Amino acid sequence: MIDLASWNLSVPVGNPPYTVTTEKLVGGFKDQYFHSDTGTLFFWAPVTGSKTENAIYPRTELRETYSNGTLKNWYYPDADNTLRATLAVNQVPSSGKIVIGQIHAYESQKPLVKVEYQYKTKTATGNIVAKVRMHPDDDEGKVITIATGVKLDREFSYLIHLSPGGALGISAAGYQWDSNISATWRDKPLYFKAGVYVQDNTGYTSEGGKVTFSKLDIDHDK
């Protein structure tokens, strides 16, 4: 079973969208957007779903917390920070793009890392792409294709690792990319996110992003 004691969940219903507390998640929360009762985590976000403040796209996405439910934010020099996931992408919106993992910055619209699955209809496979802001003030992140040829419904793993020295490593579907982020990120509170954040907001209610995680784990090793 995947441990949900270090997450809360945003679901794309209500205005603002509803946040499911850590306690409720651990207690077995389920609805049409999320369930964990099969031992895996199922996420569904329709393109017509409601959006969080300042966002233009809907999401059904976990956000890192402490076990008592309060929001967890961390500074990267304090620990070895890792998010590991194994999942399959089951459905994509017409844009073909969904974000499946992030290092976000607290109270900022500019995440440090977004890991995105980008489906190509022509090849009927997807690329795993990382969008990385080397510096907190970068408007656009650096775009790196980590892996190619990942089919829908085929399980793969990704890992996001940020060391106390600022070494960032992202691996997906057996491929790895490494770099160093700017030290100006040192004083920015960060947190992990995982789930499905659809990069699309038009279409029928049946259109959206659907993913199934069989493993999901966070570590902050000191």
C-alpha atoms as a PDB file:
ATOM      1  CA  MET A   1       0.000   0.000   0.000  1.00  0.00           C
ATOM      2  CA  ILE A   2       1.113   3.532  -0.737  1.00  0.00           C
ATOM      3  CA  ASP A   3       1.481   5.637   2.407  1.00  0.00           C
ATOM      4  CA  LEU A   4      -0.756   8.716   2.144  1.00  0.00           C
ATOM      5  CA  ALA A   5       0.235  10.156   5.545  1.00  0.00           C
ATOM      6  CA  SER A   6       2.473  12.802   3.947  1.00  0.00           C
ATOM      7  CA  TRP A   7      -0.022  14.269   1.470  1.00  0.00           C
ATOM      8  CA  ASN A   8      -3.235  16.206   1.042  1.00  0.00           C
ATOM      9  CA  LEU A   9      -5.217  16.200  -2.207  1.00  0.00           C
ATOM     10  CA  SER A  10      -6.752  18.877  -4.402  1.00  0.00           C
ATOM     11  CA  VAL A  11      -9.759  17.709  -6.457  1.00  0.00           C
ATOM     12  CA  PRO A  12     -11.217  19.800  -9.321  1.00  0.00           C
ATOM     13  CA  VAL A  13     -14.671  20.413  -7.857  1.00  0.00           C
ATOM     14  CA  GLY A  14     -16.024  23.487  -6.069  1.00  0.00           C
ATOM     15  CA  ASN A  15     -14.795  27.052  -6.102  1.00  0.00           C
ATOM     16  CA  PRO A  16     -12.116  27.134  -4.838  1.00  0.00           C
ATOM     17  CA  PRO A  17     -11.420  23.437  -5.532  1.00  0.00           C
ATOM     18  CA  TYR A  18     -11.860  21.106  -2.593  1.00  0.00           C
ATOM     19  CA  THR A  19      -8.815  20.012  -0.573  1.00  0.00           C
ATOM     20  CA  VAL A  20      -9.001  16.552   0.994  1.00  0.00           C
ATOM     21  CA  THR A  21      -7.097  16.529   4.298  1.00  0.00           C
ATOM     22  CA  THR A  22      -4.289  14.095   5.119  1.00  0.00           C
ATOM     23  CA  GLU A  23      -6.512  12.502   7.769  1.00  0.00           C
ATOM     24  CA  LYS A  24      -9.336  11.906   5.276  1.00  0.00           C
ATOM     25  CA  LEU A  25      -6.924  10.498   2.679  1.00  0.00           C
ATOM     26  CA  VAL A  26      -5.432   8.060   5.178  1.00  0.00           C
ATOM     27  CA  GLY A  27      -8.974   7.110   6.224  1.00  0.00           C
ATOM     28  CA  GLY A  28      -9.738   5.879   2.709  1.00  0.00           C
ATOM     29  CA  PHE A  29     -11.248   8.887   0.910  1.00  0.00           C
ATOM     30  CA  LYS A  30     -12.618   8.073  -2.542  1.00  0.00           C
ATOM     31  CA  ASP A  31     -14.669   9.870  -5.182  1.00  0.00           C
ATOM     32  CA  GLN A  32     -14.822  10.004  -8.987  1.00  0.00           C
ATOM     33  CA  TYR A  33     -11.474  11.861  -9.125  1.00  0.00           C
ATOM     34  CA  PHE A  34      -9.381   9.758  -6.755  1.00  0.00           C
ATOM     35  CA  HIS A  35      -9.338   6.412  -4.992  1.00  0.00           C
ATOM     36  CA  SER A  36      -6.745   4.269  -3.242  1.00  0.00           C
ATOM     37  CA  ASP A  37      -8.778   1.220  -2.220  1.00  0.00           C
ATOM     38  CA  THR A  38      -7.204  -1.114  -4.783  1.00  0.00           C
ATOM     39  CA  GLY A  39      -3.686  -0.593  -3.391  1.00  0.00           C
ATOM     40  CA  THR A  40      -2.885   1.761  -6.263  1.00  0.00           C
ATOM     41  CA  LEU A  41      -3.687   5.482  -6.522  1.00  0.00           C
ATOM     42  CA  PHE A  42      -6.167   6.408  -9.250  1.00  0.00           C
ATOM     43  CA  PHE A  43      -6.330  10.045 -10.411  1.00  0.00           C
ATOM     44  CA  TRP A  44      -8.800  11.596 -12.853  1.00  0.00           C
ATOM     45  CA  ALA A  45      -8.931  15.298 -13.821  1.00  0.00           C
ATOM     46  CA  PRO A  46     -11.440  16.348 -16.521  1.00  0.00           C
ATOM     47  CA  VAL A  47     -10.603  19.393 -18.662  1.00  0.00           C
ATOM     48  CA  THR A  48     -13.873  20.939 -17.402  1.00  0.00           C
ATOM     49  CA  GLY A  49     -12.850  20.699 -13.719  1.00  0.00           C
ATOM     50  CA  SER A  50     -12.500  23.709 -11.450  1.00  0.00           C
ATOM     51  CA  LYS A  51      -9.085  25.313 -11.087  1.00  0.00           C
ATOM     52  CA  THR A  52      -6.961  26.369  -8.127  1.00  0.00           C
ATOM     53  CA  GLU A  53      -6.247  30.071  -7.653  1.00  0.00           C
ATOM     54  CA  ASN A  54      -4.099  31.582 -10.445  1.00  0.00           C
ATOM     55  CA  ALA A  55      -4.111  28.275 -12.370  1.00  0.00           C
ATOM     56  CA  ILE A  56      -5.544  27.962 -15.881  1.00  0.00           C
ATOM     57  CA  TYR A  57      -5.836  24.163 -15.838  1.00  0.00           C
ATOM     58  CA  PRO A  58      -7.585  21.655 -13.536  1.00  0.00           C
ATOM     59  CA  ARG A  59      -5.785  19.117 -11.383  1.00  0.00           C
ATOM     60  CA  THR A  60      -6.288  16.127  -9.126  1.00  0.00           C
ATOM     61  CA  GLU A  61      -2.984  16.334  -7.361  1.00  0.00           C
ATOM     62  CA  LEU A  62      -1.324  15.410  -4.080  1.00  0.00           C
ATOM     63  CA  ARG A  63       0.609  18.060  -2.134  1.00  0.00           C
ATOM     64  CA  GLU A  64       3.229  17.283   0.494  1.00  0.00           C
ATOM     65  CA  THR A  65       2.211  17.636   4.172  1.00  0.00           C
ATOM     66  CA  TYR A  66       3.273  16.565   7.634  1.00  0.00           C
ATOM     67  CA  SER A  67       1.408  13.574   9.094  1.00  0.00           C
ATOM     68  CA  ASN A  68      -0.759  15.951  11.173  1.00  0.00           C
ATOM     69  CA  GLY A  69      -1.990  17.543   7.933  1.00  0.00           C
ATOM     70  CA  THR A  70      -0.112  20.846   8.087  1.00  0.00           C
ATOM     71  CA  LEU A  71       1.632  21.886   4.887  1.00  0.00           C
ATOM     72  CA  LYS A  72       5.226  20.723   4.585  1.00  0.00           C
ATOM     73  CA  ASN A  73       7.738  23.049   2.938  1.00  0.00           C
ATOM     74  CA  TRP A  74      11.477  22.395   2.934  1.00  0.00           C
ATOM     75  CA  TYR A  75      14.755  24.052   2.029  1.00  0.00           C
ATOM     76  CA  TYR A  76      16.895  21.908  -0.234  1.00  0.00           C
ATOM     77  CA  PRO A  77      20.239  22.362   1.660  1.00  0.00           C
ATOM     78  CA  ASP A  78      18.684  20.748   4.762  1.00  0.00           C
ATOM     79  CA  ALA A  79      18.358  17.195   3.375  1.00  0.00           C
ATOM     80  CA  ASP A  80      18.655  14.819   0.442  1.00  0.00           C
ATOM     81  CA  ASN A  81      15.208  15.237  -1.166  1.00  0.00           C
ATOM     82  CA  THR A  82      13.686  12.490  -3.308  1.00  0.00           C
ATOM     83  CA  LEU A  83      10.322  11.753  -4.927  1.00  0.00           C
ATOM     84  CA  ARG A  84       9.954   8.272  -6.455  1.00  0.00           C
ATOM     85  CA  ALA A  85       6.938   7.121  -8.438  1.00  0.00           C
ATOM     86  CA  THR A  86       5.813   4.217 -10.604  1.00  0.00           C
ATOM     87  CA  LEU A  87       2.711   4.817 -12.691  1.00  0.00           C
ATOM     88  CA  ALA A  88       0.854   4.320 -15.941  1.00  0.00           C
ATOM     89  CA  VAL A  89      -0.818   7.109 -17.909  1.00  0.00           C
ATOM     90  CA  ASN A  90      -4.248   5.821 -18.941  1.00  0.00           C
ATOM     91  CA  GLN A  91      -5.755   8.841 -20.704  1.00  0.00           C
ATOM     92  CA  VAL A  92      -4.617  12.255 -21.946  1.00  0.00           C
ATOM     93  CA  PRO A  93      -6.592  15.351 -23.036  1.00  0.00           C
ATOM     94  CA  SER A  94      -6.515  16.595 -26.637  1.00  0.00           C
ATOM     95  CA  SER A  95      -3.385  18.661 -25.887  1.00  0.00           C
ATOM     96  CA  GLY A  96      -1.689  15.338 -25.045  1.00  0.00           C
ATOM     97  CA  LYS A  97      -0.026  16.899 -21.997  1.00  0.00           C
ATOM     98  CA  ILE A  98      -0.309  16.148 -18.281  1.00  0.00           C
ATOM     99  CA  VAL A  99       2.028  16.996 -15.390  1.00  0.00           C
ATOM    100  CA  ILE A 100       2.689  13.927 -13.202  1.00  0.00           C
ATOM    101  CA  GLY A 101       5.203  15.250 -10.648  1.00  0.00           C
ATOM    102  CA  GLN A 102       6.575  18.568  -9.392  1.00  0.00           C
ATOM    103  CA  ILE A 103       8.898  20.385  -7.046  1.00  0.00           C
ATOM    104  CA  HIS A 104       6.849  23.494  -6.388  1.00  0.00           C
ATOM    105  CA  ALA A 105       7.842  26.691  -4.594  1.00  0.00           C
ATOM    106  CA  TYR A 106       5.636  27.867  -1.712  1.00  0.00           C
ATOM    107  CA  GLU A 107       3.356  30.815  -2.552  1.00  0.00           C
ATOM    108  CA  SER A 108       4.851  31.077  -6.036  1.00  0.00           C
ATOM    109  CA  GLN A 109       3.493  30.545  -9.542  1.00  0.00           C
ATOM    110  CA  LYS A 110       6.908  29.330 -10.689  1.00  0.00           C
ATOM    111  CA  PRO A 111       7.680  25.696  -9.830  1.00  0.00           C
ATOM    112  CA  LEU A 112      11.274  24.500  -9.822  1.00  0.00           C
ATOM    113  CA  VAL A 113      10.485  21.221 -11.627  1.00  0.00           C
ATOM    114  CA  LYS A 114       7.550  19.881 -13.616  1.00  0.00           C
ATOM    115  CA  VAL A 115       7.676  16.334 -15.010  1.00  0.00           C
ATOM    116  CA  GLU A 116       5.261  16.098 -17.920  1.00  0.00           C
ATOM    117  CA  TYR A 117       3.952  13.255 -20.079  1.00  0.00           C
ATOM    118  CA  GLN A 118       3.446  14.467 -23.663  1.00  0.00           C
ATOM    119  CA  TYR A 119       1.498  12.120 -25.902  1.00  0.00           C
ATOM    120  CA  LYS A 120       2.009  12.161 -29.686  1.00  0.00           C
ATOM    121  CA  THR A 121      -0.957  10.845 -31.676  1.00  0.00           C
ATOM    122  CA  LYS A 122       1.259  10.205 -34.712  1.00  0.00           C
ATOM    123  CA  THR A 123       3.455   7.680 -32.903  1.00  0.00           C
ATOM    124  CA  ALA A 124       0.829   6.630 -30.307  1.00  0.00           C
ATOM    125  CA  THR A 125       3.531   7.045 -27.639  1.00  0.00           C
ATOM    126  CA  GLY A 126       4.515   9.705 -25.162  1.00  0.00           C
ATOM    127  CA  ASN A 127       7.664  11.594 -24.202  1.00  0.00           C
ATOM    128  CA  ILE A 128       8.620  12.273 -20.584  1.00  0.00           C
ATOM    129  CA  VAL A 129       9.693  15.898 -20.450  1.00  0.00           C
ATOM    130  CA  ALA A 130      11.175  17.876 -17.548  1.00  0.00           C
ATOM    131  CA  LYS A 131      10.624  21.624 -17.308  1.00  0.00           C
ATOM    132  CA  VAL A 132      13.202  23.088 -14.935  1.00  0.00           C
ATOM    133  CA  ARG A 133      13.709  26.635 -13.682  1.00  0.00           C
ATOM    134  CA  MET A 134      17.427  26.846 -12.936  1.00  0.00           C
ATOM    135  CA  HIS A 135      16.797  30.215 -11.233  1.00  0.00           C
ATOM    136  CA  PRO A 136      13.657  31.203  -9.248  1.00  0.00           C
ATOM    137  CA  ASP A 137      13.019  34.252 -11.442  1.00  0.00           C
ATOM    138  CA  ASP A 138      13.115  32.388 -14.762  1.00  0.00           C
ATOM    139  CA  ASP A 139       9.848  33.003 -16.629  1.00  0.00           C
ATOM    140  CA  GLU A 140      10.250  29.882 -18.726  1.00  0.00           C
ATOM    141  CA  GLY A 141      11.900  26.693 -17.577  1.00  0.00           C
ATOM    142  CA  LYS A 142      14.528  24.772 -19.472  1.00  0.00           C
ATOM    143  CA  VAL A 143      12.777  21.946 -21.367  1.00  0.00           C
ATOM    144  CA  ILE A 144      14.524  18.570 -21.373  1.00  0.00           C
ATOM    145  CA  THR A 145      13.211  15.399 -23.008  1.00  0.00           C
ATOM    146  CA  ILE A 146      14.138  12.639 -20.558  1.00  0.00           C
ATOM    147  CA  ALA A 147      12.552   9.624 -22.281  1.00  0.00           C
ATOM    148  CA  THR A 148      10.597   8.800 -25.449  1.00  0.00           C
ATOM    149  CA  GLY A 149       8.338   6.002 -26.682  1.00  0.00           C
ATOM    150  CA  VAL A 150       6.279   5.539 -23.500  1.00  0.00           C
ATOM    151  CA  LYS A 151       2.900   4.044 -24.403  1.00  0.00           C
ATOM    152  CA  LEU A 152      -0.422   4.683 -22.676  1.00  0.00           C
ATOM    153  CA  ASP A 153      -1.277   2.110 -19.996  1.00  0.00           C
ATOM    154  CA  ARG A 154       2.363   1.007 -19.785  1.00  0.00           C
ATOM    155  CA  GLU A 155       3.923   1.308 -16.357  1.00  0.00           C
ATOM    156  CA  PHE A 156       7.127   3.331 -15.949  1.00  0.00           C
ATOM    157  CA  SER A 157       8.999   4.974 -13.084  1.00  0.00           C
ATOM    158  CA  TYR A 158      10.322   8.449 -12.495  1.00  0.00           C
ATOM    159  CA  LEU A 159      12.549   9.943  -9.832  1.00  0.00           C
ATOM    160  CA  ILE A 160      13.206  13.563  -8.870  1.00  0.00           C
ATOM    161  CA  HIS A 161      16.235  14.041  -6.620  1.00  0.00           C
ATOM    162  CA  LEU A 162      17.607  17.323  -5.235  1.00  0.00           C
ATOM    163  CA  SER A 163      20.750  17.081  -3.113  1.00  0.00           C
ATOM    164  CA  PRO A 164      21.782  19.475  -0.299  1.00  0.00           C
ATOM    165  CA  GLY A 165      24.426  20.816  -2.688  1.00  0.00           C
ATOM    166  CA  GLY A 166      21.854  21.730  -5.349  1.00  0.00           C
ATOM    167  CA  ALA A 167      22.477  18.792  -7.697  1.00  0.00           C
ATOM    168  CA  LEU A 168      19.209  18.008  -9.469  1.00  0.00           C
ATOM    169  CA  GLY A 169      18.685  14.578 -10.997  1.00  0.00           C
ATOM    170  CA  ILE A 170      15.584  13.528 -12.915  1.00  0.00           C
ATOM    171  CA  SER A 171      15.180  10.031 -14.270  1.00  0.00           C
ATOM    172  CA  ALA A 172      12.243   8.488 -16.114  1.00  0.00           C
ATOM    173  CA  ALA A 173      11.591   5.245 -17.999  1.00  0.00           C
ATOM    174  CA  GLY A 174      15.233   4.213 -17.651  1.00  0.00           C
ATOM    175  CA  TYR A 175      16.870   7.507 -18.730  1.00  0.00           C
ATOM    176  CA  GLN A 176      18.607  10.082 -16.531  1.00  0.00           C
ATOM    177  CA  TRP A 177      19.336  13.827 -16.686  1.00  0.00           C
ATOM    178  CA  ASP A 178      21.493  15.763 -14.204  1.00  0.00           C
ATOM    179  CA  SER A 179      22.306  19.418 -13.626  1.00  0.00           C
ATOM    180  CA  ASN A 180      22.909  21.969 -10.868  1.00  0.00           C
ATOM    181  CA  ILE A 181      20.334  24.570  -9.917  1.00  0.00           C
ATOM    182  CA  SER A 182      21.154  28.147  -8.935  1.00  0.00           C
ATOM    183  CA  ALA A 183      22.043  28.657  -5.257  1.00  0.00           C
ATOM    184  CA  THR A 184      19.381  31.408  -5.213  1.00  0.00           C
ATOM    185  CA  TRP A 185      16.849  28.584  -4.673  1.00  0.00           C
ATOM    186  CA  ARG A 186      18.401  27.991  -1.219  1.00  0.00           C
ATOM    187  CA  ASP A 187      16.014  30.293   0.658  1.00  0.00           C
ATOM    188  CA  LYS A 188      12.856  29.259  -1.215  1.00  0.00           C
ATOM    189  CA  PRO A 189      10.515  26.876   0.642  1.00  0.00           C
ATOM    190  CA  LEU A 190       9.800  23.903  -1.651  1.00  0.00           C
ATOM    191  CA  TYR A 191       7.408  20.949  -1.670  1.00  0.00           C
ATOM    192  CA  PHE A 192       6.660  17.883  -3.797  1.00  0.00           C
ATOM    193  CA  LYS A 193       3.451  17.313  -5.764  1.00  0.00           C
ATOM    194  CA  ALA A 194       2.257  14.233  -7.673  1.00  0.00           C
ATOM    195  CA  GLY A 195      -0.877  13.178  -9.528  1.00  0.00           C
ATOM    196  CA  VAL A 196      -2.471  14.509 -12.686  1.00  0.00           C
ATOM    197  CA  TYR A 197      -2.425  18.189 -13.644  1.00  0.00           C
ATOM    198  CA  VAL A 198      -3.964  18.407 -17.127  1.00  0.00           C
ATOM    199  CA  GLN A 199      -2.450  20.982 -19.476  1.00  0.00           C
ATOM    200  CA  ASP A 200      -5.787  21.601 -21.186  1.00  0.00           C
ATOM    201  CA  ASN A 201      -9.067  23.263 -20.217  1.00  0.00           C
ATOM    202  CA  THR A 202     -11.418  22.853 -23.178  1.00  0.00           C
ATOM    203  CA  GLY A 203     -13.470  19.889 -24.337  1.00  0.00           C
ATOM    204  CA  TYR A 204     -16.175  17.518 -23.173  1.00  0.00           C
ATOM    205  CA  THR A 205     -16.557  16.376 -19.557  1.00  0.00           C
ATOM    206  CA  SER A 206     -15.239  12.963 -20.658  1.00  0.00           C
ATOM    207  CA  GLU A 207     -11.927  14.496 -21.768  1.00  0.00           C
ATOM    208  CA  GLY A 208      -9.040  14.777 -19.314  1.00  0.00           C
ATOM    209  CA  GLY A 209      -6.088  13.051 -17.721  1.00  0.00           C
ATOM    210  CA  LYS A 210      -6.175   9.693 -15.992  1.00  0.00           C
ATOM    211  CA  VAL A 211      -3.202   8.053 -14.248  1.00  0.00           C
ATOM    212  CA  THR A 212      -2.651   5.100 -11.915  1.00  0.00           C
ATOM    213  CA  PHE A 213       0.276   5.096  -9.460  1.00  0.00           C
ATOM    214  CA  SER A 214       1.448   1.757  -8.059  1.00  0.00           C
ATOM    215  CA  LYS A 215       4.317   3.320  -6.066  1.00  0.00           C
ATOM    216  CA  LEU A 216       4.804   6.774  -4.592  1.00  0.00           C
ATOM    217  CA  ASP A 217       7.363   7.674  -1.978  1.00  0.00           C
ATOM    218  CA  ILE A 218       9.033  10.812  -0.556  1.00  0.00           C
ATOM    219  CA  ASP A 219      12.294  10.913   1.372  1.00  0.00           C
ATOM    220  CA  HIS A 220      14.117  13.785   3.056  1.00  0.00           C
ATOM    221  CA  ASP A 221      17.278  12.090   4.314  1.00  0.00           C
ATOM    222  CA  LYS A 222      19.459  14.131   6.659  1.00  0.00           C
END
